[in-house]
Protein backbone atom coordinates (compact mmCIF):
# COMPACT_ATOMS: atom_id res chain seq x y z
CA MET A 1 113.22 114.08 95.81
CA LYS A 2 112.66 109.80 98.11
CA ALA A 3 114.19 109.94 101.01
CA THR A 4 115.72 107.17 103.85
CA ALA A 5 113.21 107.14 106.86
CA VAL A 6 115.44 107.54 109.31
CA GLY A 7 115.36 109.24 113.44
CA MET A 8 112.22 106.71 113.87
CA PRO A 9 112.43 103.81 116.37
CA LEU A 10 112.70 101.12 113.54
CA ALA A 11 109.66 98.82 115.07
CA ALA A 12 107.52 101.24 113.73
CA LEU A 13 109.12 102.52 109.84
CA VAL A 14 106.57 100.03 108.21
CA ALA A 15 103.19 101.32 109.68
CA ALA A 16 105.15 104.89 109.22
CA LEU A 17 105.21 104.45 105.80
CA LEU A 18 102.52 103.21 104.53
CA VAL A 19 100.49 105.79 106.37
CA ALA A 20 102.93 108.91 105.30
CA GLY A 21 105.44 107.87 103.09
CA CYS A 22 104.28 108.19 99.71
CA GLY A 23 104.27 111.40 97.31
CA GLY A 24 102.66 112.11 94.11
CA PRO A 25 103.95 111.02 91.20
CA ALA A 26 133.06 111.00 82.39
CA SER A 27 134.22 107.46 80.76
CA GLU A 28 132.48 105.11 79.84
CA HIS A 29 134.05 102.52 81.63
CA ALA A 30 133.87 104.47 85.05
CA TYR A 31 132.29 103.56 88.02
CA HIS A 32 132.18 105.42 90.93
CA PRO A 33 128.99 105.06 93.28
CA PRO A 34 129.14 108.41 95.37
CA ALA A 35 131.18 106.01 98.88
CA PRO A 36 132.38 108.57 101.84
CA SER A 37 135.71 108.56 101.85
CA GLY A 38 137.09 106.58 104.66
CA ARG A 39 134.48 103.63 104.28
CA SER A 40 133.90 101.38 101.42
CA ALA A 41 129.45 101.68 102.95
CA VAL A 42 127.38 104.18 102.34
CA SER A 43 127.02 107.73 103.43
CA PRO A 44 124.04 108.06 106.72
CA PRO A 45 121.10 108.81 104.09
CA PRO A 46 118.60 111.65 104.41
CA ALA A 47 115.82 113.08 107.16
CA VAL A 48 111.92 112.05 105.68
CA SER A 49 110.48 114.57 103.49
CA PRO A 50 106.84 115.58 104.49
CA ALA A 51 104.73 114.49 102.04
CA SER A 52 100.71 114.02 101.57
CA PRO A 53 98.83 111.79 103.55
CA VAL A 54 97.58 108.34 102.07
CA SER A 55 95.53 105.94 104.06
CA PRO A 56 96.98 102.21 104.10
CA ALA A 57 94.93 98.70 102.47
CA ALA A 58 92.04 98.68 104.00
CA SER A 59 92.84 94.64 105.04
CA THR A 60 93.20 91.52 107.44
CA PRO A 61 96.10 89.60 107.52
CA SER A 62 94.37 85.99 107.92
CA GLY A 63 96.30 83.77 110.16
CA ALA A 64 99.49 84.36 112.41
CA PHE A 65 99.50 87.64 110.11
CA ASN A 66 99.82 91.58 111.23
CA GLY A 67 99.15 94.50 109.77
CA THR A 68 102.75 95.46 109.95
CA ASP A 69 103.52 91.96 107.53
CA VAL A 70 100.87 92.72 105.29
CA GLY A 71 102.32 96.24 105.19
CA TRP A 72 106.22 95.26 105.01
CA MET A 73 105.19 93.12 101.52
CA GLN A 74 103.25 95.33 100.10
CA LEU A 75 106.81 97.89 99.90
CA MET A 76 108.72 95.11 99.35
CA ILE A 77 107.64 93.64 96.76
CA PRO A 78 106.55 96.39 94.04
CA MET A 79 110.35 97.81 94.80
CA ASP A 80 111.33 95.04 93.59
CA GLU A 81 109.45 94.91 90.72
CA GLN A 82 110.96 97.88 90.06
CA LEU A 83 113.99 97.59 90.40
CA LEU A 84 114.04 94.76 87.92
CA SER A 85 112.90 96.12 85.74
CA MET A 86 115.97 98.90 86.25
CA LEU A 87 117.78 96.27 86.08
CA GLU A 88 117.46 94.00 82.78
CA MET A 89 118.51 97.49 81.16
CA ALA A 90 121.87 97.10 81.74
CA PRO A 91 123.44 95.04 79.46
CA GLU A 92 122.06 97.47 76.95
CA ARG A 93 122.57 101.22 78.77
CA THR A 94 126.19 100.56 79.82
CA SER A 95 129.75 98.18 78.62
CA ASN A 96 131.43 98.78 81.91
CA PRO A 97 131.62 95.20 83.03
CA LYS A 98 130.97 95.33 86.43
CA VAL A 99 127.73 97.46 86.60
CA ILE A 100 126.34 94.18 83.86
CA ARG A 101 128.36 91.73 86.84
CA LEU A 102 126.42 93.18 89.29
CA ALA A 103 123.02 93.87 87.31
CA LYS A 104 122.91 90.21 86.79
CA LEU A 105 123.35 88.89 90.55
CA PHE A 106 121.69 91.55 92.04
CA ALA A 107 118.72 90.81 89.91
CA ALA A 108 118.98 86.84 90.58
CA ASP A 109 118.62 87.87 93.61
CA HIS A 110 115.55 89.70 93.62
CA ARG A 111 113.65 87.24 91.28
CA ALA A 112 114.57 84.85 93.98
CA GLU A 113 114.08 87.26 96.89
CA LEU A 114 109.96 87.42 94.69
CA LEU A 115 109.16 84.07 95.09
CA LYS A 116 109.01 84.09 98.27
CA LEU A 117 107.33 87.18 98.71
CA ARG A 118 104.58 86.74 96.84
CA ALA A 119 104.65 82.59 98.35
CA LEU A 120 104.66 84.79 102.02
CA MET A 121 101.11 87.09 100.62
CA ASP A 122 99.35 84.57 98.78
CA ARG A 123 99.87 82.68 102.55
CA SER A 124 98.15 85.62 104.75
CA GLY A 125 95.17 86.12 102.13
CA ALA A 126 95.66 89.77 101.94
CA PRO A 127 94.56 91.45 98.51
CA LYS A 128 97.53 91.00 95.23
CA THR A 129 96.36 94.86 94.37
CA ASN A 130 99.65 96.93 93.95
CA VAL A 131 98.47 99.67 96.66
CA HIS A 132 101.75 101.91 96.39
CA GLU A 133 101.25 101.96 92.24
CA GLY A 134 102.32 105.36 90.81
CA HIS A 135 103.40 106.53 94.79
CA ASP A 136 107.66 108.19 95.09
CA MET A 137 108.15 105.65 97.88
CA PRO A 138 111.75 105.42 99.22
CA GLY A 139 113.75 103.31 98.17
CA MET A 140 110.97 102.96 95.32
CA VAL A 141 112.73 103.26 91.11
CA THR A 142 108.95 104.85 89.33
CA ALA A 143 107.99 104.85 86.49
CA ASP A 144 109.21 108.23 86.06
CA ASP A 145 112.91 107.04 87.48
CA LEU A 146 112.56 103.99 84.34
CA ARG A 147 111.75 106.40 82.16
CA VAL A 148 114.64 108.36 82.93
CA ILE A 149 117.30 105.60 83.82
CA ASP A 150 116.04 104.50 79.78
CA GLN A 151 116.83 107.71 78.03
CA THR A 152 120.88 107.15 79.17
CA LYS A 153 123.60 105.63 78.65
CA GLY A 154 127.41 104.71 79.92
CA ALA A 155 128.26 106.77 82.73
CA ALA A 156 125.09 108.87 83.28
CA PHE A 157 123.24 105.28 82.97
CA ASP A 158 126.13 104.13 85.18
CA GLY A 159 125.68 107.24 87.38
CA LEU A 160 121.86 106.37 88.05
CA PHE A 161 122.45 102.47 88.47
CA ALA A 162 124.41 104.00 91.20
CA LYS A 163 122.19 106.23 93.24
CA ASN A 164 119.29 104.13 92.50
CA MET A 165 120.81 100.63 94.20
CA ARG A 166 121.87 102.49 96.86
CA GLU A 167 118.48 103.60 98.62
CA HIS A 168 116.95 100.55 97.22
CA LEU A 169 119.16 98.93 99.08
CA GLU A 170 119.70 101.27 102.60
CA GLN A 171 115.39 101.19 102.49
CA GLY A 172 115.48 97.92 101.95
CA VAL A 173 117.50 97.06 105.33
CA LEU A 174 115.60 99.57 106.72
CA LEU A 175 111.97 98.15 106.29
CA SER A 176 113.34 94.39 107.14
CA ARG A 177 114.40 95.73 111.00
CA GLY A 178 111.50 97.02 110.95
CA GLU A 179 109.83 94.16 109.55
CA GLN A 180 111.53 92.35 112.32
CA GLY A 181 110.73 93.97 115.33
CA ALA A 182 106.87 94.02 114.53
CA GLY A 183 106.24 91.03 112.51
CA ALA A 184 104.04 88.76 114.00
CA ASP A 185 104.20 85.72 110.95
CA GLN A 186 107.70 84.25 112.37
CA ALA A 187 107.91 83.13 108.42
CA THR A 188 107.41 86.46 107.79
CA ARG A 189 109.73 87.61 109.40
CA GLU A 190 113.21 85.87 108.92
CA LEU A 191 112.69 86.22 105.59
CA ALA A 192 113.35 90.24 106.59
CA GLY A 193 115.70 88.99 108.70
CA SER A 194 117.70 87.37 105.31
CA ILE A 195 116.94 90.13 103.04
CA GLU A 196 118.14 92.23 105.82
CA LYS A 197 121.29 90.36 105.39
CA LEU A 198 121.92 90.21 102.00
CA ARG A 199 120.92 93.86 101.38
CA ALA A 200 124.05 94.63 103.76
CA ALA A 201 126.37 92.30 101.08
CA GLN A 202 124.83 93.60 98.39
CA LEU A 203 125.29 97.24 98.94
CA ASP A 204 129.48 96.03 100.31
CA ARG A 205 129.19 94.18 96.54
CA LEU A 206 127.73 97.68 94.76
CA TYR A 207 130.82 99.70 96.72
CA GLY A 208 133.49 97.00 96.46
């Protein structure tokens, strides 16, 4: 089970995930994400579960980019790509109008975000290979997750949609804070700041 990384200095979060964050491989219209009582946000995530260490990509970024900048982009790009695969299933897997509406909004946000992330990755000169392919990263909708999600409909899909969106958005906040604290490239740090704010707004919409 994936867990969200907490309890460590945020400036070290991206590097820590690169080293140790990868693992191995109701009613039809009900939509009630598991928000804790008394607030509309999400409950504190669990601590990181131990995972077998893997080595990060051996790449030397060019110009003003450092390893945190590149590591952050190498995490965010596949996280966004995999999430889009789930979001695109929504119109065929549920008739819940709120889920369909949120999936459309989140998909548009993430497509725009990917364009900016890929442009920064191009400028960094780092390899475009997905170094996390097949890894069970916190906040990542994996290929196995997608296979399960694709077999669900109605309330079952809505529940998996809420769970995966919450984990993805929470992890995006943490990773983006880490990039702002330890990244070197100004444009990359600024994008991380924008994404952190966007993720917080998306969490509010998820539970609104």
